[in-house]
PDB file of N, CA and C in Angstrom:
ATOM      1  N   MET A   1     -43.968  -0.566   1.439  1.00  0.00           N
ATOM      2  CA  MET A   1     -42.859   0.313   1.144  1.00  0.00           C
ATOM      3  C   MET A   1     -42.969   0.765  -0.314  1.00  0.00           C
ATOM      4  N   ARG A   2     -42.680   2.004  -0.569  1.00  0.00           N
ATOM      5  CA  ARG A   2     -42.777   2.544  -1.920  1.00  0.00           C
ATOM      6  C   ARG A   2     -41.630   2.003  -2.786  1.00  0.00           C
ATOM      7  N   PRO A   3     -41.880   1.823  -4.077  1.00  0.00           N
ATOM      8  CA  PRO A   3     -40.829   1.305  -4.965  1.00  0.00           C
ATOM      9  C   PRO A   3     -39.568   2.176  -4.985  1.00  0.00           C
ATOM     10  N   ILE A   4     -39.718   3.477  -4.872  1.00  0.00           N
ATOM     11  CA  ILE A   4     -38.548   4.351  -4.897  1.00  0.00           C
ATOM     12  C   ILE A   4     -37.673   4.124  -3.668  1.00  0.00           C
ATOM     13  N   ASN A   5     -38.313   3.854  -2.516  1.00  0.00           N
ATOM     14  CA  ASN A   5     -37.553   3.566  -1.300  1.00  0.00           C
ATOM     15  C   ASN A   5     -36.787   2.255  -1.432  1.00  0.00           C
ATOM     16  N   VAL A   6     -37.424   1.264  -2.033  1.00  0.00           N
ATOM     17  CA  VAL A   6     -36.770  -0.027  -2.237  1.00  0.00           C
ATOM     18  C   VAL A   6     -35.560   0.152  -3.149  1.00  0.00           C
ATOM     19  N   LEU A   7     -35.727   0.929  -4.206  1.00  0.00           N
ATOM     20  CA  LEU A   7     -34.606   1.185  -5.110  1.00  0.00           C
ATOM     21  C   LEU A   7     -33.479   1.928  -4.410  1.00  0.00           C
ATOM     22  N   ALA A   8     -33.805   2.895  -3.597  1.00  0.00           N
ATOM     23  CA  ALA A   8     -32.783   3.662  -2.886  1.00  0.00           C
ATOM     24  C   ALA A   8     -32.020   2.785  -1.905  1.00  0.00           C
ATOM     25  N   ILE A   9     -32.731   1.955  -1.177  1.00  0.00           N
ATOM     26  CA  ILE A   9     -32.077   1.063  -0.213  1.00  0.00           C
ATOM     27  C   ILE A   9     -31.211   0.039  -0.937  1.00  0.00           C
ATOM     28  N   THR A  10     -31.728  -0.532  -2.014  1.00  0.00           N
ATOM     29  CA  THR A  10     -30.965  -1.503  -2.792  1.00  0.00           C
ATOM     30  C   THR A  10     -29.703  -0.867  -3.362  1.00  0.00           C
ATOM     31  N   GLY A  11     -29.827   0.324  -3.894  1.00  0.00           N
ATOM     32  CA  GLY A  11     -28.661   1.023  -4.439  1.00  0.00           C
ATOM     33  C   GLY A  11     -27.619   1.313  -3.382  1.00  0.00           C
ATOM     34  N   ALA A  12     -28.059   1.723  -2.203  1.00  0.00           N
ATOM     35  CA  ALA A  12     -27.121   2.004  -1.111  1.00  0.00           C
ATOM     36  C   ALA A  12     -26.401   0.736  -0.671  1.00  0.00           C
ATOM     37  N   LEU A  13     -27.115  -0.363  -0.599  1.00  0.00           N
ATOM     38  CA  LEU A  13     -26.489  -1.629  -0.206  1.00  0.00           C
ATOM     39  C   LEU A  13     -25.480  -2.098  -1.247  1.00  0.00           C
ATOM     40  N   LEU A  14     -25.833  -1.972  -2.508  1.00  0.00           N
ATOM     41  CA  LEU A  14     -24.902  -2.372  -3.566  1.00  0.00           C
ATOM     42  C   LEU A  14     -23.659  -1.493  -3.579  1.00  0.00           C
ATOM     43  N   ALA A  15     -23.835  -0.208  -3.384  1.00  0.00           N
ATOM     44  CA  ALA A  15     -22.696   0.712  -3.379  1.00  0.00           C
ATOM     45  C   ALA A  15     -21.778   0.446  -2.197  1.00  0.00           C
ATOM     46  N   SER A  16     -22.337   0.142  -1.051  1.00  0.00           N
ATOM     47  CA  SER A  16     -21.497  -0.127   0.118  1.00  0.00           C
ATOM     48  C   SER A  16     -20.770  -1.455  -0.031  1.00  0.00           C
ATOM     49  N   GLY A  17     -21.362  -2.404  -0.717  1.00  0.00           N
ATOM     50  CA  GLY A  17     -20.705  -3.697  -0.934  1.00  0.00           C
ATOM     51  C   GLY A  17     -19.511  -3.588  -1.857  1.00  0.00           C
ATOM     52  N   THR A  18     -19.618  -2.784  -2.903  1.00  0.00           N
ATOM     53  CA  THR A  18     -18.496  -2.633  -3.822  1.00  0.00           C
ATOM     54  C   THR A  18     -17.387  -1.798  -3.213  1.00  0.00           C
ATOM     55  N   ALA A  19     -17.715  -0.879  -2.332  1.00  0.00           N
ATOM     56  CA  ALA A  19     -16.685  -0.063  -1.694  1.00  0.00           C
ATOM     57  C   ALA A  19     -15.847  -0.891  -0.736  1.00  0.00           C
ATOM     58  N   SER A  20     -16.441  -1.883  -0.110  1.00  0.00           N
ATOM     59  CA  SER A  20     -15.687  -2.700   0.837  1.00  0.00           C
ATOM     60  C   SER A  20     -14.936  -3.833   0.158  1.00  0.00           C
ATOM     61  N   ALA A  21     -15.169  -4.062  -1.107  1.00  0.00           N
ATOM     62  CA  ALA A  21     -14.510  -5.143  -1.833  1.00  0.00           C
ATOM     63  C   ALA A  21     -13.262  -4.634  -2.543  1.00  0.00           C
ATOM     64  N   GLN A  22     -12.378  -3.999  -1.798  1.00  0.00           N
ATOM     65  CA  GLN A  22     -11.145  -3.469  -2.366  1.00  0.00           C
ATOM     66  C   GLN A  22     -10.201  -4.619  -2.702  1.00  0.00           C
ATOM     67  N   ARG A  23      -9.489  -4.480  -3.798  1.00  0.00           N
ATOM     68  CA  ARG A  23      -8.507  -5.488  -4.175  1.00  0.00           C
ATOM     69  C   ARG A  23      -7.226  -5.310  -3.375  1.00  0.00           C
ATOM     70  N   VAL A  24      -6.648  -6.412  -2.998  1.00  0.00           N
ATOM     71  CA  VAL A  24      -5.350  -6.393  -2.339  1.00  0.00           C
ATOM     72  C   VAL A  24      -4.309  -6.655  -3.417  1.00  0.00           C
ATOM     73  N   PRO A  25      -3.306  -5.780  -3.552  1.00  0.00           N
ATOM     74  CA  PRO A  25      -2.314  -6.000  -4.600  1.00  0.00           C
ATOM     75  C   PRO A  25      -1.520  -7.277  -4.346  1.00  0.00           C
ATOM     76  N   PRO A  26      -1.138  -7.976  -5.412  1.00  0.00           N
ATOM     77  CA  PRO A  26      -0.355  -9.196  -5.238  1.00  0.00           C
ATOM     78  C   PRO A  26       1.019  -8.881  -4.652  1.00  0.00           C
ATOM     79  N   SER A  27       1.632  -9.874  -4.044  1.00  0.00           N
ATOM     80  CA  SER A  27       2.951  -9.689  -3.453  1.00  0.00           C
ATOM     81  C   SER A  27       3.985  -9.430  -4.549  1.00  0.00           C
ATOM     82  N   GLU A  28       5.154  -8.943  -4.152  1.00  0.00           N
ATOM     83  CA  GLU A  28       6.220  -8.649  -5.118  1.00  0.00           C
ATOM     84  C   GLU A  28       6.607  -9.895  -5.906  1.00  0.00           C
ATOM     85  N   GLY A  29       6.698 -11.036  -5.243  1.00  0.00           N
ATOM     86  CA  GLY A  29       7.056 -12.280  -5.923  1.00  0.00           C
ATOM     87  C   GLY A  29       6.009 -12.679  -6.951  1.00  0.00           C
ATOM     88  N   ALA A  30       4.747 -12.501  -6.608  1.00  0.00           N
ATOM     89  CA  ALA A  30       3.669 -12.832  -7.540  1.00  0.00           C
ATOM     90  C   ALA A  30       3.670 -11.876  -8.727  1.00  0.00           C
ATOM     91  N   GLN A  31       3.953 -10.600  -8.469  1.00  0.00           N
ATOM     92  CA  GLN A  31       4.027  -9.623  -9.557  1.00  0.00           C
ATOM     93  C   GLN A  31       5.154  -9.974 -10.517  1.00  0.00           C
ATOM     94  N   GLU A  32       6.296 -10.335  -9.971  1.00  0.00           N
ATOM     95  CA  GLU A  32       7.444 -10.699 -10.809  1.00  0.00           C
ATOM     96  C   GLU A  32       7.133 -11.934 -11.641  1.00  0.00           C
ATOM     97  N   ALA A  33       6.503 -12.927 -11.039  1.00  0.00           N
ATOM     98  CA  ALA A  33       6.151 -14.145 -11.769  1.00  0.00           C
ATOM     99  C   ALA A  33       5.176 -13.840 -12.903  1.00  0.00           C
ATOM    100  N   LEU A  34       4.181 -12.982 -12.645  1.00  0.00           N
ATOM    101  CA  LEU A  34       3.237 -12.598 -13.702  1.00  0.00           C
ATOM    102  C   LEU A  34       3.946 -11.869 -14.836  1.00  0.00           C
ATOM    103  N   PHE A  35       4.852 -10.965 -14.471  1.00  0.00           N
ATOM    104  CA  PHE A  35       5.583 -10.221 -15.495  1.00  0.00           C
ATOM    105  C   PHE A  35       6.429 -11.171 -16.337  1.00  0.00           C
ATOM    106  N   GLN A  36       7.141 -12.075 -15.691  1.00  0.00           N
ATOM    107  CA  GLN A  36       7.991 -13.019 -16.420  1.00  0.00           C
ATOM    108  C   GLN A  36       7.164 -13.942 -17.311  1.00  0.00           C
ATOM    109  N   GLN A  37       6.001 -14.316 -16.852  1.00  0.00           N
ATOM    110  CA  GLN A  37       5.160 -15.249 -17.596  1.00  0.00           C
ATOM    111  C   GLN A  37       4.436 -14.583 -18.768  1.00  0.00           C
ATOM    112  N   ASN A  38       4.007 -13.325 -18.600  1.00  0.00           N
ATOM    113  CA  ASN A  38       3.119 -12.721 -19.591  1.00  0.00           C
ATOM    114  C   ASN A  38       3.668 -11.496 -20.309  1.00  0.00           C
ATOM    115  N   CYS A  39       4.647 -10.819 -19.744  1.00  0.00           N
ATOM    116  CA  CYS A  39       4.996  -9.492 -20.249  1.00  0.00           C
ATOM    117  C   CYS A  39       6.422  -9.352 -20.763  1.00  0.00           C
ATOM    118  N   VAL A  40       7.325 -10.165 -20.244  1.00  0.00           N
ATOM    119  CA  VAL A  40       8.745  -9.945 -20.494  1.00  0.00           C
ATOM    120  C   VAL A  40       9.120 -10.074 -21.972  1.00  0.00           C
ATOM    121  N   VAL A  41       8.378 -10.842 -22.733  1.00  0.00           N
ATOM    122  CA  VAL A  41       8.703 -11.027 -24.149  1.00  0.00           C
ATOM    123  C   VAL A  41       8.715  -9.688 -24.883  1.00  0.00           C
ATOM    124  N   CYS A  42       7.747  -8.843 -24.604  1.00  0.00           N
ATOM    125  CA  CYS A  42       7.690  -7.532 -25.262  1.00  0.00           C
ATOM    126  C   CYS A  42       8.342  -6.436 -24.427  1.00  0.00           C
ATOM    127  N   HIS A  43       7.989  -6.362 -23.142  1.00  0.00           N
ATOM    128  CA  HIS A  43       8.431  -5.247 -22.307  1.00  0.00           C
ATOM    129  C   HIS A  43       9.841  -5.434 -21.765  1.00  0.00           C
ATOM    130  N   GLY A  44      10.420  -6.605 -21.934  1.00  0.00           N
ATOM    131  CA  GLY A  44      11.797  -6.838 -21.517  1.00  0.00           C
ATOM    132  C   GLY A  44      12.759  -6.837 -22.684  1.00  0.00           C
ATOM    133  N   ASN A  45      12.262  -6.567 -23.879  1.00  0.00           N
ATOM    134  CA  ASN A  45      13.067  -6.608 -25.099  1.00  0.00           C
ATOM    135  C   ASN A  45      13.196  -5.196 -25.655  1.00  0.00           C
ATOM    136  N   PRO A  46      14.406  -4.626 -25.659  1.00  0.00           N
ATOM    137  CA  PRO A  46      14.557  -3.255 -26.152  1.00  0.00           C
ATOM    138  C   PRO A  46      14.322  -3.116 -27.660  1.00  0.00           C
ATOM    139  N   ALA A  47      14.284  -4.232 -28.395  1.00  0.00           N
ATOM    140  CA  ALA A  47      14.086  -4.164 -29.843  1.00  0.00           C
ATOM    141  C   ALA A  47      12.623  -3.926 -30.218  1.00  0.00           C
ATOM    142  N   THR A  48      11.692  -4.141 -29.287  1.00  0.00           N
ATOM    143  CA  THR A  48      10.277  -3.932 -29.601  1.00  0.00           C
ATOM    144  C   THR A  48       9.876  -2.500 -29.292  1.00  0.00           C
ATOM    145  N   ARG A  49       8.708  -2.110 -29.752  1.00  0.00           N
ATOM    146  CA  ARG A  49       8.212  -0.751 -29.507  1.00  0.00           C
ATOM    147  C   ARG A  49       7.410  -0.662 -28.219  1.00  0.00           C
ATOM    148  N   ALA A  50       7.346  -1.738 -27.465  1.00  0.00           N
ATOM    149  CA  ALA A  50       6.605  -1.735 -26.195  1.00  0.00           C
ATOM    150  C   ALA A  50       7.368  -0.917 -25.154  1.00  0.00           C
ATOM    151  N   PRO A  51       6.667  -0.232 -24.254  1.00  0.00           N
ATOM    152  CA  PRO A  51       7.348   0.541 -23.211  1.00  0.00           C
ATOM    153  C   PRO A  51       8.195  -0.370 -22.321  1.00  0.00           C
ATOM    154  N   ALA A  52       9.331   0.142 -21.908  1.00  0.00           N
ATOM    155  CA  ALA A  52      10.221  -0.620 -21.033  1.00  0.00           C
ATOM    156  C   ALA A  52       9.583  -0.785 -19.658  1.00  0.00           C
ATOM    157  N   ARG A  53      10.120  -1.709 -18.891  1.00  0.00           N
ATOM    158  CA  ARG A  53       9.568  -1.986 -17.568  1.00  0.00           C
ATOM    159  C   ARG A  53       9.619  -0.754 -16.668  1.00  0.00           C
ATOM    160  N   ALA A  54      10.675   0.022 -16.761  1.00  0.00           N
ATOM    161  CA  ALA A  54      10.784   1.235 -15.945  1.00  0.00           C
ATOM    162  C   ALA A  54       9.664   2.215 -16.283  1.00  0.00           C
ATOM    163  N   SER A  55       9.290   2.300 -17.543  1.00  0.00           N
ATOM    164  CA  SER A  55       8.186   3.175 -17.950  1.00  0.00           C
ATOM    165  C   SER A  55       6.855   2.671 -17.400  1.00  0.00           C
ATOM    166  N   LEU A  56       6.705   1.364 -17.327  1.00  0.00           N
ATOM    167  CA  LEU A  56       5.469   0.793 -16.790  1.00  0.00           C
ATOM    168  C   LEU A  56       5.315   1.123 -15.308  1.00  0.00           C
ATOM    169  N   HIS A  57       6.421   1.158 -14.567  1.00  0.00           N
ATOM    170  CA  HIS A  57       6.360   1.500 -13.137  1.00  0.00           C
ATOM    171  C   HIS A  57       5.911   2.941 -12.930  1.00  0.00           C
ATOM    172  N   ALA A  58       6.202   3.811 -13.887  1.00  0.00           N
ATOM    173  CA  ALA A  58       5.832   5.222 -13.756  1.00  0.00           C
ATOM    174  C   ALA A  58       4.338   5.445 -13.993  1.00  0.00           C
ATOM    175  N   MET A  59       3.666   4.491 -14.643  1.00  0.00           N
ATOM    176  CA  MET A  59       2.237   4.625 -14.942  1.00  0.00           C
ATOM    177  C   MET A  59       1.390   4.275 -13.724  1.00  0.00           C
ATOM    178  N   SER A  60       0.181   4.818 -13.694  1.00  0.00           N
ATOM    179  CA  SER A  60      -0.738   4.481 -12.603  1.00  0.00           C
ATOM    180  C   SER A  60      -1.342   3.102 -12.863  1.00  0.00           C
ATOM    181  N   PRO A  61      -1.727   2.369 -11.815  1.00  0.00           N
ATOM    182  CA  PRO A  61      -2.293   1.038 -11.998  1.00  0.00           C
ATOM    183  C   PRO A  61      -3.652   1.030 -12.681  1.00  0.00           C
ATOM    184  N   ASP A  62      -4.332   2.156 -12.734  1.00  0.00           N
ATOM    185  CA  ASP A  62      -5.636   2.207 -13.389  1.00  0.00           C
ATOM    186  C   ASP A  62      -5.416   2.200 -14.853  1.00  0.00           C
TER     187      ASP A  62
END
């Protein structure tokens, strides 16, 4: 088999593997726990310059 064919097949297999490995979003309870544990200090405090929680919901997850 030619090296270019091997590279093409390998690339196709890798691309198909990453496409099927979609992340499942955490449940609402898990999201709330993460927010309370890691984010609420800044994003739950109106005295800081961090965006409020409502603003974070308007943003895309990317």
